[in-house]
Amino acid sequence: GPTQLYKSTLLECTALYFAIVDPKPIILVQPCFKDAIDFMADKMKPMFNATPAVRQRVYHTTKTNVMFVGGQLSIASASSENSLASRLAGVMLFDEPAKYDLLSGRHPVGYGEKRLETYGEFGKSIRASSPKTEDNFMWEQYLLGDRRQPYVECPHCGHDHVMRWKPT
């Protein structure tokens, strides 16, 4: 659906940007390790292989990493403190953080974002999650942020409107 397209495309394009334009270590966090392996195999590796500007920079791949000149894309599981605390990152991509379970009483996003400290103001974090209710982690994060919404121009009247889809 539209949420999947919008959310996945955001994560994928962000990884591509930092692999090509501003290389640095990227960590993509999924709710569990199986989701992380699947996302890397089904989405990220094929996209990197299909993009000449990235493909020519890649020098090594494993099941959990794509190493490219200037950085690497690694996957991590939100269900493992070790997975989130084992390396530094310039970019943290959190997929479906509303589904993450707490680790030692703390949200995994907090563990992951500690990886950004070396990069200071240049570290980037994206939290992409399908909206569910107004009483979850992502709603709290939305309220803490700048509350941007996806505006598109109406083909009939020419005014910008918030993009909305009817439930299926």
C-alpha atoms as a PDB file:
ATOM      1  CA  GLY A   1       0.000   0.000   0.000  1.00  0.00           C
ATOM      2  CA  PRO A   2       0.922   3.689  -0.011  1.00  0.00           C
ATOM      3  CA  THR A   3       2.455   3.598   3.487  1.00  0.00           C
ATOM      4  CA  GLN A   4       4.756   0.746   2.505  1.00  0.00           C
ATOM      5  CA  LEU A   5       5.771   2.551  -0.673  1.00  0.00           C
ATOM      6  CA  TYR A   6       6.393   5.853   1.082  1.00  0.00           C
ATOM      7  CA  LYS A   7       8.181   4.388   4.110  1.00  0.00           C
ATOM      8  CA  SER A   8      10.342   1.834   2.311  1.00  0.00           C
ATOM      9  CA  THR A   9      11.271   4.274  -0.439  1.00  0.00           C
ATOM     10  CA  LEU A  10      12.369   6.816   2.167  1.00  0.00           C
ATOM     11  CA  LEU A  11      14.699   4.302   3.830  1.00  0.00           C
ATOM     12  CA  GLU A  12      16.039   2.979   0.533  1.00  0.00           C
ATOM     13  CA  CYS A  13      16.700   6.409  -0.991  1.00  0.00           C
ATOM     14  CA  THR A  14      18.364   7.645   2.186  1.00  0.00           C
ATOM     15  CA  ALA A  15      20.748   4.672   2.122  1.00  0.00           C
ATOM     16  CA  LEU A  16      21.493   5.326  -1.568  1.00  0.00           C
ATOM     17  CA  TYR A  17      22.181   9.010  -0.927  1.00  0.00           C
ATOM     18  CA  PHE A  18      24.692   8.259   1.821  1.00  0.00           C
ATOM     19  CA  ALA A  19      26.351   5.496  -0.203  1.00  0.00           C
ATOM     20  CA  ILE A  20      26.850   7.804  -3.207  1.00  0.00           C
ATOM     21  CA  VAL A  21      26.927  11.466  -2.115  1.00  0.00           C
ATOM     22  CA  ASP A  22      28.074  11.469   1.513  1.00  0.00           C
ATOM     23  CA  PRO A  23      29.502   8.011   2.322  1.00  0.00           C
ATOM     24  CA  LYS A  24      29.497   6.937   5.953  1.00  0.00           C
ATOM     25  CA  PRO A  25      28.467   3.899   8.014  1.00  0.00           C
ATOM     26  CA  ILE A  26      24.709   3.267   7.837  1.00  0.00           C
ATOM     27  CA  ILE A  27      22.795   0.964  10.171  1.00  0.00           C
ATOM     28  CA  LEU A  28      19.315  -0.198   9.194  1.00  0.00           C
ATOM     29  CA  VAL A  29      17.346  -1.467  12.199  1.00  0.00           C
ATOM     30  CA  GLN A  30      14.435  -3.882  11.822  1.00  0.00           C
ATOM     31  CA  PRO A  31      12.147  -5.246  14.583  1.00  0.00           C
ATOM     32  CA  CYS A  32      13.825  -8.686  14.489  1.00  0.00           C
ATOM     33  CA  PHE A  33      16.869 -10.266  12.879  1.00  0.00           C
ATOM     34  CA  LYS A  34      14.826 -12.223  10.305  1.00  0.00           C
ATOM     35  CA  ASP A  35      13.175  -8.980   9.115  1.00  0.00           C
ATOM     36  CA  ALA A  36      16.622  -7.379   8.865  1.00  0.00           C
ATOM     37  CA  ILE A  37      18.069 -10.257   6.801  1.00  0.00           C
ATOM     38  CA  ASP A  38      15.014 -10.258   4.525  1.00  0.00           C
ATOM     39  CA  PHE A  39      15.094  -6.471   3.986  1.00  0.00           C
ATOM     40  CA  MET A  40      18.794  -6.593   3.128  1.00  0.00           C
ATOM     41  CA  ALA A  41      18.347  -9.504   0.702  1.00  0.00           C
ATOM     42  CA  ASP A  42      15.038  -8.461  -0.878  1.00  0.00           C
ATOM     43  CA  LYS A  43      15.363  -4.667  -1.025  1.00  0.00           C
ATOM     44  CA  MET A  44      18.779  -3.190  -0.289  1.00  0.00           C
ATOM     45  CA  LYS A  45      21.199  -5.517  -2.094  1.00  0.00           C
ATOM     46  CA  PRO A  46      19.132  -5.622  -5.324  1.00  0.00           C
ATOM     47  CA  MET A  47      18.795  -1.838  -5.259  1.00  0.00           C
ATOM     48  CA  PHE A  48      22.537  -1.336  -4.676  1.00  0.00           C
ATOM     49  CA  ASN A  49      23.289  -3.808  -7.509  1.00  0.00           C
ATOM     50  CA  ALA A  50      20.870  -2.025  -9.868  1.00  0.00           C
ATOM     51  CA  THR A  51      22.348   1.425  -9.205  1.00  0.00           C
ATOM     52  CA  PRO A  52      25.601   1.902 -11.179  1.00  0.00           C
ATOM     53  CA  ALA A  53      26.868   4.745  -8.959  1.00  0.00           C
ATOM     54  CA  VAL A  54      26.701   2.441  -5.928  1.00  0.00           C
ATOM     55  CA  ARG A  55      27.563  -0.836  -7.638  1.00  0.00           C
ATOM     56  CA  GLN A  56      30.953   0.499  -8.745  1.00  0.00           C
ATOM     57  CA  ARG A  57      31.736   1.584  -5.145  1.00  0.00           C
ATOM     58  CA  VAL A  58      30.826  -1.762  -3.485  1.00  0.00           C
ATOM     59  CA  TYR A  59      33.830  -3.927  -2.698  1.00  0.00           C
ATOM     60  CA  HIS A  60      32.449  -6.616  -0.335  1.00  0.00           C
ATOM     61  CA  THR A  61      29.076  -8.008   0.717  1.00  0.00           C
ATOM     62  CA  THR A  62      27.915 -10.457   3.360  1.00  0.00           C
ATOM     63  CA  LYS A  63      24.471 -11.482   4.560  1.00  0.00           C
ATOM     64  CA  THR A  64      24.427  -8.532   6.970  1.00  0.00           C
ATOM     65  CA  ASN A  65      26.695  -5.900   5.330  1.00  0.00           C
ATOM     66  CA  VAL A  66      27.360  -4.117   2.074  1.00  0.00           C
ATOM     67  CA  MET A  67      30.754  -2.426   2.228  1.00  0.00           C
ATOM     68  CA  PHE A  68      31.378   0.465  -0.138  1.00  0.00           C
ATOM     69  CA  VAL A  69      34.111   3.065  -0.492  1.00  0.00           C
ATOM     70  CA  GLY A  70      33.787   5.413   2.489  1.00  0.00           C
ATOM     71  CA  GLY A  71      31.280   3.391   4.499  1.00  0.00           C
ATOM     72  CA  GLN A  72      29.002   0.422   4.758  1.00  0.00           C
ATOM     73  CA  LEU A  73      25.355  -0.524   5.129  1.00  0.00           C
ATOM     74  CA  SER A  74      24.767  -2.903   8.031  1.00  0.00           C
ATOM     75  CA  ILE A  75      21.624  -4.366   9.477  1.00  0.00           C
ATOM     76  CA  ALA A  76      20.706  -4.661  13.133  1.00  0.00           C
ATOM     77  CA  SER A  77      17.890  -6.156  15.156  1.00  0.00           C
ATOM     78  CA  ALA A  78      15.931  -3.985  17.580  1.00  0.00           C
ATOM     79  CA  SER A  79      15.576  -7.072  19.766  1.00  0.00           C
ATOM     80  CA  SER A  80      19.313  -7.228  20.564  1.00  0.00           C
ATOM     81  CA  GLU A  81      21.291  -4.705  22.613  1.00  0.00           C
ATOM     82  CA  ASN A  82      24.522  -6.184  21.203  1.00  0.00           C
ATOM     83  CA  SER A  83      23.296  -5.699  17.644  1.00  0.00           C
ATOM     84  CA  LEU A  84      22.580  -2.019  18.341  1.00  0.00           C
ATOM     85  CA  ALA A  85      25.659  -1.260  20.443  1.00  0.00           C
ATOM     86  CA  SER A  86      28.419  -2.939  18.500  1.00  0.00           C
ATOM     87  CA  ARG A  87      29.467  -0.232  15.980  1.00  0.00           C
ATOM     88  CA  LEU A  88      29.367   3.451  15.174  1.00  0.00           C
ATOM     89  CA  ALA A  89      27.123   4.956  12.525  1.00  0.00           C
ATOM     90  CA  GLY A  90      26.684   8.223  10.724  1.00  0.00           C
ATOM     91  CA  VAL A  91      23.150   7.276   9.705  1.00  0.00           C
ATOM     92  CA  MET A  92      20.572   5.252  11.647  1.00  0.00           C
ATOM     93  CA  LEU A  93      17.507   4.007   9.755  1.00  0.00           C
ATOM     94  CA  PHE A  94      14.792   2.619  12.043  1.00  0.00           C
ATOM     95  CA  ASP A  95      12.089   0.610  10.271  1.00  0.00           C
ATOM     96  CA  GLU A  96       8.822   0.133  12.213  1.00  0.00           C
ATOM     97  CA  PRO A  97      10.097   1.379  15.614  1.00  0.00           C
ATOM     98  CA  ALA A  98       6.522   1.313  16.949  1.00  0.00           C
ATOM     99  CA  LYS A  99       6.866  -2.497  16.883  1.00  0.00           C
ATOM    100  CA  TYR A 100      10.116  -2.611  18.890  1.00  0.00           C
ATOM    101  CA  ASP A 101      10.047  -4.157  22.357  1.00  0.00           C
ATOM    102  CA  LEU A 102      11.851  -2.367  25.177  1.00  0.00           C
ATOM    103  CA  LEU A 103      15.388  -3.528  26.000  1.00  0.00           C
ATOM    104  CA  SER A 104      16.212  -3.318  29.715  1.00  0.00           C
ATOM    105  CA  GLY A 105      13.361  -0.811  30.100  1.00  0.00           C
ATOM    106  CA  ARG A 106      14.624   1.420  27.289  1.00  0.00           C
ATOM    107  CA  HIS A 107      13.417   1.875  23.711  1.00  0.00           C
ATOM    108  CA  PRO A 108      15.877   0.436  21.129  1.00  0.00           C
ATOM    109  CA  VAL A 109      15.948   3.771  19.251  1.00  0.00           C
ATOM    110  CA  GLY A 110      17.842   5.215  22.220  1.00  0.00           C
ATOM    111  CA  TYR A 111      20.468   2.465  22.010  1.00  0.00           C
ATOM    112  CA  GLY A 112      20.790   2.915  18.253  1.00  0.00           C
ATOM    113  CA  GLU A 113      21.121   6.667  18.370  1.00  0.00           C
ATOM    114  CA  LYS A 114      24.108   6.373  20.734  1.00  0.00           C
ATOM    115  CA  ARG A 115      25.945   5.087  17.612  1.00  0.00           C
ATOM    116  CA  LEU A 116      25.615   8.590  16.108  1.00  0.00           C
ATOM    117  CA  GLU A 117      27.550  10.436  18.822  1.00  0.00           C
ATOM    118  CA  THR A 118      30.854  10.326  16.913  1.00  0.00           C
ATOM    119  CA  TYR A 119      29.223  12.219  14.034  1.00  0.00           C
ATOM    120  CA  GLY A 120      27.735  14.947  16.236  1.00  0.00           C
ATOM    121  CA  GLU A 121      25.465  17.291  14.297  1.00  0.00           C
ATOM    122  CA  PHE A 122      26.269  15.413  11.077  1.00  0.00           C
ATOM    123  CA  GLY A 123      24.680  12.170  12.328  1.00  0.00           C
ATOM    124  CA  LYS A 124      21.255  11.441  10.872  1.00  0.00           C
ATOM    125  CA  SER A 125      18.369   9.384  12.225  1.00  0.00           C
ATOM    126  CA  ILE A 126      15.166   8.393  10.443  1.00  0.00           C
ATOM    127  CA  ARG A 127      12.274   6.606  12.148  1.00  0.00           C
ATOM    128  CA  ALA A 128       9.820   5.246   9.591  1.00  0.00           C
ATOM    129  CA  SER A 129       6.748   3.426  10.848  1.00  0.00           C
ATOM    130  CA  SER A 130       3.244   2.671   9.699  1.00  0.00           C
ATOM    131  CA  PRO A 131       0.825   4.779  11.739  1.00  0.00           C
ATOM    132  CA  LYS A 132      -1.398   2.785  14.051  1.00  0.00           C
ATOM    133  CA  THR A 133      -2.881   4.779  16.923  1.00  0.00           C
ATOM    134  CA  GLU A 134      -2.260   8.052  18.723  1.00  0.00           C
ATOM    135  CA  ASP A 135      -0.944   6.301  21.846  1.00  0.00           C
ATOM    136  CA  ASN A 136       2.252   4.673  20.609  1.00  0.00           C
ATOM    137  CA  PHE A 137       5.956   5.456  20.232  1.00  0.00           C
ATOM    138  CA  MET A 138       5.654   6.977  16.746  1.00  0.00           C
ATOM    139  CA  TRP A 139       2.880   9.363  17.775  1.00  0.00           C
ATOM    140  CA  GLU A 140       5.085  10.566  20.657  1.00  0.00           C
ATOM    141  CA  GLN A 141       7.969  11.046  18.207  1.00  0.00           C
ATOM    142  CA  TYR A 142       5.720  12.929  15.776  1.00  0.00           C
ATOM    143  CA  LEU A 143       4.664  15.328  18.538  1.00  0.00           C
ATOM    144  CA  LEU A 144       8.335  15.939  19.444  1.00  0.00           C
ATOM    145  CA  GLY A 145       9.240  16.697  15.810  1.00  0.00           C
ATOM    146  CA  ASP A 146       8.293  19.443  13.370  1.00  0.00           C
ATOM    147  CA  ARG A 147       5.033  17.626  12.400  1.00  0.00           C
ATOM    148  CA  ARG A 148       5.579  17.761   8.661  1.00  0.00           C
ATOM    149  CA  GLN A 149       3.038  16.024   6.459  1.00  0.00           C
ATOM    150  CA  PRO A 150       3.178  14.889   2.816  1.00  0.00           C
ATOM    151  CA  TYR A 151       1.616  17.695   0.756  1.00  0.00           C
ATOM    152  CA  VAL A 152       0.749  17.245  -2.923  1.00  0.00           C
ATOM    153  CA  GLU A 153      -0.739  19.601  -5.453  1.00  0.00           C
ATOM    154  CA  CYS A 154      -4.357  18.847  -6.350  1.00  0.00           C
ATOM    155  CA  PRO A 155      -4.639  18.266 -10.123  1.00  0.00           C
ATOM    156  CA  HIS A 156      -8.091  19.931 -10.114  1.00  0.00           C
ATOM    157  CA  CYS A 157      -7.683  23.115  -8.054  1.00  0.00           C
ATOM    158  CA  GLY A 158      -3.883  23.515  -7.937  1.00  0.00           C
ATOM    159  CA  HIS A 159      -3.752  23.945  -4.131  1.00  0.00           C
ATOM    160  CA  ASP A 160      -1.519  21.857  -1.873  1.00  0.00           C
ATOM    161  CA  HIS A 161      -3.321  19.315   0.304  1.00  0.00           C
ATOM    162  CA  VAL A 162      -2.141  16.664   2.763  1.00  0.00           C
ATOM    163  CA  MET A 163      -1.934  13.359   0.896  1.00  0.00           C
ATOM    164  CA  ARG A 164      -4.557  10.899   2.216  1.00  0.00           C
ATOM    165  CA  TRP A 165      -5.570   7.429   1.089  1.00  0.00           C
ATOM    166  CA  LYS A 166      -8.832   5.680   1.725  1.00  0.00           C
ATOM    167  CA  PRO A 167      -8.539   2.506   3.821  1.00  0.00           C
ATOM    168  CA  THR A 168      -8.769  -0.635   1.706  1.00  0.00           C
END
